[in-house]
Protein backbone atom coordinates (compact mmCIF):
# COMPACT_ATOMS: atom_id res chain seq x y z
CA MET A 1 -3.30 -3.04 1.76
CA GLU A 2 -5.38 -5.79 3.29
CA PHE A 3 -8.99 -6.34 2.27
CA ARG A 4 -11.38 -8.78 3.89
CA LEU A 5 -14.45 -9.93 2.02
CA LYS A 6 -17.27 -12.39 2.57
CA ASN A 7 -17.86 -15.32 0.27
CA ASP A 8 -20.37 -13.24 -1.68
CA LEU A 9 -19.85 -12.37 -5.35
CA ALA A 10 -21.06 -8.79 -4.74
CA GLU A 11 -17.99 -8.22 -2.55
CA ILE A 12 -15.64 -8.62 -5.54
CA GLN A 13 -16.70 -5.20 -6.91
CA LEU A 14 -15.80 -3.57 -3.57
CA LEU A 15 -12.40 -5.22 -3.74
CA ALA A 16 -11.92 -4.00 -7.34
CA GLU A 17 -12.57 -0.44 -6.20
CA ALA A 18 -10.03 -0.83 -3.38
CA VAL A 19 -7.45 -2.18 -5.86
CA GLU A 20 -8.08 0.87 -8.08
CA VAL A 21 -7.38 3.18 -5.12
CA PHE A 22 -4.25 1.20 -4.19
CA GLY A 23 -3.07 1.51 -7.79
CA GLU A 24 -3.62 5.25 -7.86
CA GLU A 25 -1.91 5.78 -4.51
CA ASN A 26 1.13 3.79 -5.64
CA GLY A 27 1.32 5.06 -9.21
CA LEU A 28 0.71 1.65 -10.77
CA PRO A 29 0.16 1.56 -14.52
CA PRO A 30 -3.56 1.16 -15.41
CA LYS A 31 -2.77 -2.07 -17.31
CA VAL A 32 -1.34 -3.64 -14.13
CA VAL A 33 -4.39 -2.61 -12.08
CA PHE A 34 -6.66 -4.08 -14.77
CA GLN A 35 -4.73 -7.36 -14.85
CA VAL A 36 -4.73 -7.69 -11.05
CA ASN A 37 -8.46 -7.02 -10.87
CA LEU A 38 -9.16 -9.51 -13.66
CA ALA A 39 -7.06 -12.19 -11.95
CA LEU A 40 -8.73 -11.54 -8.60
CA GLU A 41 -12.19 -11.64 -10.15
CA GLU A 42 -11.48 -14.98 -11.82
CA LEU A 43 -9.91 -16.63 -8.78
CA LEU A 44 -12.36 -15.28 -6.20
CA THR A 45 -15.42 -16.08 -8.33
CA ASN A 46 -14.28 -19.70 -8.55
CA THR A 47 -13.52 -19.85 -4.83
CA ILE A 48 -16.88 -18.36 -3.86
CA ASN A 49 -18.87 -20.49 -6.34
CA TYR A 50 -17.15 -23.83 -5.70
CA GLY A 51 -15.09 -23.64 -2.53
CA TYR A 52 -17.89 -23.54 0.02
CA PRO A 53 -20.30 -26.41 -0.79
CA GLN A 54 -21.47 -26.41 2.83
CA GLY A 55 -22.68 -22.80 2.47
CA GLY A 56 -22.53 -20.36 5.35
CA GLU A 57 -20.64 -17.11 5.66
CA ASN A 58 -16.87 -17.21 5.37
CA GLU A 59 -14.13 -14.62 5.07
CA LEU A 60 -11.45 -14.32 2.41
CA THR A 61 -8.44 -12.03 2.70
CA VAL A 62 -6.62 -10.30 -0.13
CA LYS A 63 -3.34 -8.49 0.51
CA LEU A 64 -1.53 -6.22 -1.92
CA GLU A 65 2.02 -5.07 -1.32
CA LEU A 66 4.43 -3.15 -3.51
CA LYS A 67 8.00 -4.29 -2.82
CA ASN A 68 11.03 -2.27 -3.82
CA GLY A 69 8.81 -0.22 -6.12
CA LYS A 70 8.96 -2.96 -8.75
CA ASP A 71 7.20 -6.09 -7.51
CA LEU A 72 3.50 -6.21 -6.78
CA ILE A 73 2.63 -9.09 -4.46
CA VAL A 74 -1.00 -10.22 -4.31
CA GLU A 75 -1.99 -12.83 -1.72
CA ILE A 76 -5.37 -14.54 -1.50
CA ARG A 77 -6.11 -16.50 1.67
CA ASP A 78 -9.34 -18.43 2.25
CA ASP A 79 -10.74 -21.27 4.32
CA ALA A 80 -12.57 -22.86 1.40
CA PHE A 81 -12.27 -26.47 0.39
CA PRO A 82 -8.57 -27.22 -0.31
CA PHE A 83 -7.87 -26.55 -3.96
CA ASN A 84 -4.69 -25.84 -5.86
CA PRO A 85 -5.65 -24.09 -9.11
CA LEU A 86 -2.11 -24.56 -10.42
CA GLU A 87 -2.83 -28.28 -10.81
CA ILE A 88 -5.40 -27.53 -13.51
CA GLU A 89 -4.07 -28.57 -16.90
CA PRO A 90 -3.81 -25.69 -19.37
CA PRO A 91 -6.55 -25.79 -21.99
CA ASP A 92 -5.70 -26.68 -25.56
CA THR A 93 -6.30 -23.25 -27.06
CA GLY A 94 -5.53 -24.66 -30.50
CA GLN A 95 -8.81 -26.60 -30.52
CA ASP A 96 -12.14 -25.18 -31.58
CA ILE A 97 -14.07 -23.90 -28.57
CA GLU A 98 -16.75 -26.56 -29.07
CA ALA A 99 -14.12 -29.33 -28.89
CA ARG A 100 -12.43 -28.08 -25.70
CA SER A 101 -13.21 -29.54 -22.32
CA ILE A 102 -14.85 -27.18 -19.85
CA GLY A 103 -12.65 -25.41 -17.31
CA GLY A 104 -9.10 -24.21 -17.01
CA LEU A 105 -9.34 -21.13 -19.21
CA GLY A 106 -9.56 -18.71 -16.28
CA ILE A 107 -6.44 -19.95 -14.48
CA HIS A 108 -4.70 -20.06 -17.87
CA LEU A 109 -5.51 -16.37 -18.28
CA VAL A 110 -4.23 -15.63 -14.76
CA ARG A 111 -0.99 -17.46 -15.54
CA GLN A 112 -0.54 -15.35 -18.66
CA MET A 113 -1.05 -12.05 -16.81
CA MET A 114 1.04 -12.71 -13.71
CA ASP A 115 4.79 -13.31 -13.63
CA GLU A 116 4.80 -15.83 -10.77
CA ILE A 117 2.11 -17.81 -8.96
CA GLU A 118 2.55 -20.04 -5.93
CA TYR A 119 0.05 -22.08 -3.93
CA CYS A 120 0.18 -23.74 -0.54
CA TRP A 121 -2.21 -25.17 2.04
CA GLU A 122 -1.30 -23.51 5.35
CA ASN A 123 -3.11 -23.68 8.70
CA ASP A 124 -6.32 -24.97 7.08
CA HIS A 125 -6.26 -22.19 4.46
CA ASN A 126 -5.63 -21.99 0.75
CA VAL A 127 -2.88 -19.42 0.14
CA LEU A 128 -2.26 -18.22 -3.41
CA VAL A 129 0.51 -15.68 -3.98
CA MET A 130 0.89 -13.89 -7.31
CA ARG A 131 3.74 -11.61 -8.32
CA LYS A 132 3.69 -9.00 -11.05
CA HIS A 133 6.94 -7.28 -12.01
CA ILE A 134 6.22 -3.68 -12.89
CA LYS A 135 8.03 -0.60 -14.03
CA LEU A 136 6.77 2.60 -12.50
CA ALA A 137 6.94 5.76 -14.58
């Protein structure tokens, strides 16, 4: 599945619905669909809010592919400002919330939910690839 969306937060809900349909069509466990949608919401919200300081309308692409019936591949490609979210230091979750520095909790959550995450800057685009190993019933 390939889904194209504008850099508009309202588009994330349309993507979530498409991910739900993809999950149903491929028999994905509801927990996996939830985790993918949560990861996409976190990453795309940050991209849309911070990746386009110049404004204007831009397009982001999200691809979902089920490989060998056991690996879900999710790719996000955008032409936002170059940014590797994997360079964000994990937050110190042992500290009180008031003592923690702002930022990093969202990507930390994504790292916890996905099995593998890779980033590259390719042809003037951010490309983030996430893998989730799943067991279909």
